[in-house]
Amino acid sequence: MKLTEEQRKGQRILFKIIREAWENESFKKALIDNPEETISKFLGQKIPFRKKIIVTDQSNQDYLYINIPIKPNDKDVDDHLFNE
């Protein structure tokens, strides 16, 4: 699947946020405690978030973390994913 320019821009921003969290423990704590405010400050502008953001620290190598995404509405996609 090819990403749109907007998706690529969002991905670059996300990678910058992750890198900062890896390198700056106080930023990481703030990001976990108050993601919307921390991201807005990091980007230097108020961001109108359309969804609530939840940040979890998944850096413990002793665990396998599984994120359960939204269930797709398309039955064909659902069948394809789970019947292979």
N, C-alpha and C. Protein backbone atom coordinates (compact mmCIF):
# COMPACT_ATOMS: atom_id res chain seq x y z
N MET A 1 0.84 -1.18 0.00
CA MET A 1 0.00 0.00 0.00
C MET A 1 0.89 1.24 0.00
N LYS A 2 0.60 2.14 -0.89
CA LYS A 2 1.37 3.36 -1.02
C LYS A 2 0.81 4.43 -0.09
N LEU A 3 1.70 5.10 0.64
CA LEU A 3 1.27 6.15 1.56
C LEU A 3 1.08 7.47 0.82
N THR A 4 0.09 8.25 1.26
CA THR A 4 -0.09 9.59 0.72
C THR A 4 0.96 10.50 1.34
N GLU A 5 1.13 11.67 0.78
CA GLU A 5 2.08 12.64 1.34
C GLU A 5 1.70 12.99 2.77
N GLU A 6 0.41 13.14 3.04
CA GLU A 6 -0.05 13.46 4.40
C GLU A 6 0.31 12.33 5.36
N GLN A 7 0.16 11.09 4.94
CA GLN A 7 0.52 9.95 5.78
C GLN A 7 2.02 9.90 6.03
N ARG A 8 2.81 10.19 4.99
CA ARG A 8 4.27 10.21 5.16
C ARG A 8 4.68 11.31 6.13
N LYS A 9 4.03 12.47 6.04
CA LYS A 9 4.33 13.57 6.95
C LYS A 9 4.00 13.16 8.39
N GLY A 10 2.84 12.54 8.58
CA GLY A 10 2.45 12.06 9.91
C GLY A 10 3.42 11.03 10.45
N GLN A 11 3.90 10.17 9.58
CA GLN A 11 4.87 9.15 9.97
C GLN A 11 6.19 9.79 10.41
N ARG A 12 6.64 10.79 9.67
CA ARG A 12 7.89 11.48 10.04
C ARG A 12 7.75 12.16 11.40
N ILE A 13 6.60 12.78 11.65
CA ILE A 13 6.36 13.42 12.94
C ILE A 13 6.36 12.38 14.05
N LEU A 14 5.68 11.27 13.82
CA LEU A 14 5.63 10.20 14.82
C LEU A 14 7.02 9.68 15.14
N PHE A 15 7.85 9.49 14.12
CA PHE A 15 9.23 9.02 14.34
C PHE A 15 10.03 10.04 15.16
N LYS A 16 9.83 11.33 14.93
CA LYS A 16 10.52 12.36 15.71
C LYS A 16 10.10 12.30 17.18
N ILE A 17 8.80 12.10 17.42
CA ILE A 17 8.29 12.00 18.79
C ILE A 17 8.88 10.77 19.48
N ILE A 18 8.90 9.65 18.79
CA ILE A 18 9.45 8.42 19.37
C ILE A 18 10.93 8.59 19.68
N ARG A 19 11.68 9.17 18.76
CA ARG A 19 13.11 9.39 18.98
C ARG A 19 13.34 10.27 20.22
N GLU A 20 12.54 11.33 20.35
CA GLU A 20 12.68 12.21 21.51
C GLU A 20 12.37 11.45 22.80
N ALA A 21 11.36 10.59 22.78
CA ALA A 21 11.02 9.79 23.97
C ALA A 21 12.15 8.83 24.32
N TRP A 22 12.81 8.28 23.32
CA TRP A 22 13.96 7.39 23.58
C TRP A 22 15.12 8.14 24.21
N GLU A 23 15.33 9.37 23.80
CA GLU A 23 16.50 10.13 24.22
C GLU A 23 16.27 11.01 25.45
N ASN A 24 15.01 11.27 25.81
CA ASN A 24 14.71 12.24 26.85
C ASN A 24 13.66 11.64 27.79
N GLU A 25 14.12 11.19 28.96
CA GLU A 25 13.24 10.51 29.91
C GLU A 25 12.10 11.41 30.41
N SER A 26 12.36 12.70 30.63
CA SER A 26 11.30 13.59 31.11
C SER A 26 10.25 13.81 30.01
N PHE A 27 10.68 13.88 28.76
CA PHE A 27 9.73 13.99 27.64
C PHE A 27 8.87 12.73 27.58
N LYS A 28 9.50 11.57 27.73
CA LYS A 28 8.77 10.30 27.69
C LYS A 28 7.70 10.24 28.78
N LYS A 29 8.06 10.66 29.99
CA LYS A 29 7.09 10.67 31.09
C LYS A 29 5.94 11.62 30.79
N ALA A 30 6.26 12.82 30.30
CA ALA A 30 5.22 13.79 29.95
C ALA A 30 4.33 13.26 28.83
N LEU A 31 4.94 12.59 27.86
CA LEU A 31 4.19 12.03 26.74
C LEU A 31 3.20 10.97 27.22
N ILE A 32 3.61 10.15 28.16
CA ILE A 32 2.73 9.12 28.72
C ILE A 32 1.63 9.76 29.57
N ASP A 33 2.00 10.75 30.39
CA ASP A 33 1.06 11.38 31.32
C ASP A 33 0.05 12.30 30.62
N ASN A 34 0.50 13.04 29.62
CA ASN A 34 -0.37 14.01 28.95
C ASN A 34 0.04 14.14 27.48
N PRO A 35 -0.34 13.15 26.67
CA PRO A 35 0.15 13.11 25.29
C PRO A 35 -0.24 14.31 24.43
N GLU A 36 -1.49 14.76 24.51
CA GLU A 36 -1.93 15.85 23.65
C GLU A 36 -1.13 17.13 23.91
N GLU A 37 -1.01 17.49 25.17
CA GLU A 37 -0.27 18.71 25.53
C GLU A 37 1.21 18.58 25.17
N THR A 38 1.79 17.43 25.45
CA THR A 38 3.22 17.21 25.19
C THR A 38 3.52 17.26 23.70
N ILE A 39 2.68 16.64 22.89
CA ILE A 39 2.88 16.67 21.44
C ILE A 39 2.73 18.08 20.90
N SER A 40 1.72 18.81 21.37
CA SER A 40 1.53 20.20 20.93
C SER A 40 2.75 21.05 21.27
N LYS A 41 3.27 20.90 22.49
CA LYS A 41 4.47 21.65 22.88
C LYS A 41 5.66 21.25 22.03
N PHE A 42 5.83 19.97 21.79
CA PHE A 42 6.95 19.47 21.00
C PHE A 42 6.92 20.02 19.58
N LEU A 43 5.73 20.11 19.00
CA LEU A 43 5.60 20.59 17.63
C LEU A 43 5.51 22.11 17.55
N GLY A 44 5.36 22.77 18.72
CA GLY A 44 5.33 24.22 18.75
C GLY A 44 4.02 24.83 18.29
N GLN A 45 2.96 24.06 18.32
CA GLN A 45 1.65 24.59 17.95
C GLN A 45 0.55 23.74 18.57
N LYS A 46 -0.58 24.37 18.82
CA LYS A 46 -1.74 23.65 19.36
C LYS A 46 -2.30 22.75 18.27
N ILE A 47 -2.42 21.49 18.58
CA ILE A 47 -2.90 20.51 17.62
C ILE A 47 -4.35 20.15 17.96
N PRO A 48 -5.27 20.26 17.00
CA PRO A 48 -6.67 19.87 17.27
C PRO A 48 -6.83 18.35 17.11
N PHE A 49 -6.65 17.62 18.17
CA PHE A 49 -6.73 16.17 18.11
C PHE A 49 -8.20 15.75 17.97
N ARG A 50 -8.46 14.86 17.02
CA ARG A 50 -9.82 14.37 16.80
C ARG A 50 -10.12 13.13 17.63
N LYS A 51 -9.07 12.52 18.15
CA LYS A 51 -9.24 11.33 18.98
C LYS A 51 -8.36 11.46 20.21
N LYS A 52 -8.72 10.73 21.25
CA LYS A 52 -7.90 10.68 22.45
C LYS A 52 -6.65 9.87 22.14
N ILE A 53 -5.53 10.31 22.67
CA ILE A 53 -4.26 9.62 22.45
C ILE A 53 -3.86 8.90 23.73
N ILE A 54 -3.50 7.64 23.61
CA ILE A 54 -2.99 6.86 24.73
C ILE A 54 -1.58 6.42 24.37
N VAL A 55 -0.63 6.75 25.23
CA VAL A 55 0.77 6.37 25.01
C VAL A 55 1.15 5.36 26.08
N THR A 56 1.69 4.24 25.66
CA THR A 56 2.19 3.24 26.60
C THR A 56 3.66 2.97 26.30
N ASP A 57 4.40 2.74 27.35
CA ASP A 57 5.82 2.42 27.20
C ASP A 57 5.94 0.93 26.92
N GLN A 58 6.33 0.59 25.72
CA GLN A 58 6.45 -0.81 25.32
C GLN A 58 7.91 -1.18 25.09
N SER A 59 8.79 -0.63 25.90
CA SER A 59 10.22 -0.82 25.68
C SER A 59 10.83 -1.97 26.48
N ASN A 60 10.05 -2.64 27.31
CA ASN A 60 10.57 -3.76 28.08
C ASN A 60 10.71 -4.97 27.16
N GLN A 61 11.93 -5.41 26.93
CA GLN A 61 12.19 -6.51 26.00
C GLN A 61 11.75 -7.87 26.54
N ASP A 62 11.35 -7.93 27.80
CA ASP A 62 10.87 -9.18 28.37
C ASP A 62 9.41 -9.46 28.02
N TYR A 63 8.75 -8.52 27.37
CA TYR A 63 7.34 -8.65 27.04
C TYR A 63 7.12 -8.56 25.53
N LEU A 64 6.08 -9.23 25.07
CA LEU A 64 5.59 -9.07 23.71
C LEU A 64 4.31 -8.25 23.82
N TYR A 65 4.27 -7.10 23.21
CA TYR A 65 3.12 -6.21 23.29
C TYR A 65 2.24 -6.40 22.07
N ILE A 66 0.95 -6.52 22.29
CA ILE A 66 -0.01 -6.68 21.20
C ILE A 66 -1.01 -5.54 21.26
N ASN A 67 -1.12 -4.82 20.16
CA ASN A 67 -2.11 -3.76 20.05
C ASN A 67 -3.30 -4.31 19.28
N ILE A 68 -4.48 -4.24 19.86
CA ILE A 68 -5.68 -4.72 19.19
C ILE A 68 -6.29 -3.55 18.43
N PRO A 69 -6.23 -3.58 17.08
CA PRO A 69 -6.76 -2.47 16.30
C PRO A 69 -8.28 -2.52 16.17
N ILE A 70 -8.83 -1.49 15.59
CA ILE A 70 -10.26 -1.44 15.30
C ILE A 70 -10.59 -2.55 14.31
N LYS A 71 -11.69 -3.23 14.57
CA LYS A 71 -12.12 -4.31 13.67
C LYS A 71 -12.55 -3.70 12.33
N PRO A 72 -12.08 -4.26 11.21
CA PRO A 72 -12.47 -3.71 9.90
C PRO A 72 -13.95 -3.95 9.62
N ASN A 73 -14.55 -3.03 8.89
CA ASN A 73 -15.96 -3.17 8.51
C ASN A 73 -16.14 -4.08 7.31
N ASP A 74 -15.11 -4.22 6.52
CA ASP A 74 -15.19 -4.98 5.28
C ASP A 74 -15.00 -6.47 5.57
N LYS A 75 -16.05 -7.27 5.35
CA LYS A 75 -16.00 -8.70 5.63
C LYS A 75 -14.90 -9.39 4.82
N ASP A 76 -14.68 -8.95 3.58
CA ASP A 76 -13.64 -9.57 2.76
C ASP A 76 -12.26 -9.39 3.38
N VAL A 77 -12.00 -8.20 3.92
CA VAL A 77 -10.72 -7.95 4.59
C VAL A 77 -10.61 -8.86 5.80
N ASP A 78 -11.68 -8.94 6.57
CA ASP A 78 -11.72 -9.78 7.76
C ASP A 78 -11.45 -11.24 7.39
N ASP A 79 -12.13 -11.74 6.37
CA ASP A 79 -11.95 -13.13 5.94
C ASP A 79 -10.52 -13.38 5.45
N HIS A 80 -9.98 -12.44 4.70
CA HIS A 80 -8.63 -12.58 4.16
C HIS A 80 -7.59 -12.65 5.28
N LEU A 81 -7.75 -11.81 6.29
CA LEU A 81 -6.77 -11.76 7.38
C LEU A 81 -6.77 -13.01 8.23
N PHE A 82 -7.92 -13.59 8.46
CA PHE A 82 -8.02 -14.66 9.44
C PHE A 82 -8.22 -16.05 8.86
N ASN A 83 -8.23 -16.18 7.56
CA ASN A 83 -8.44 -17.50 6.95
C ASN A 83 -7.24 -17.96 6.14
N GLU A 84 -6.08 -17.51 6.48
CA GLU A 84 -4.87 -17.95 5.76
C GLU A 84 -4.13 -18.96 6.59
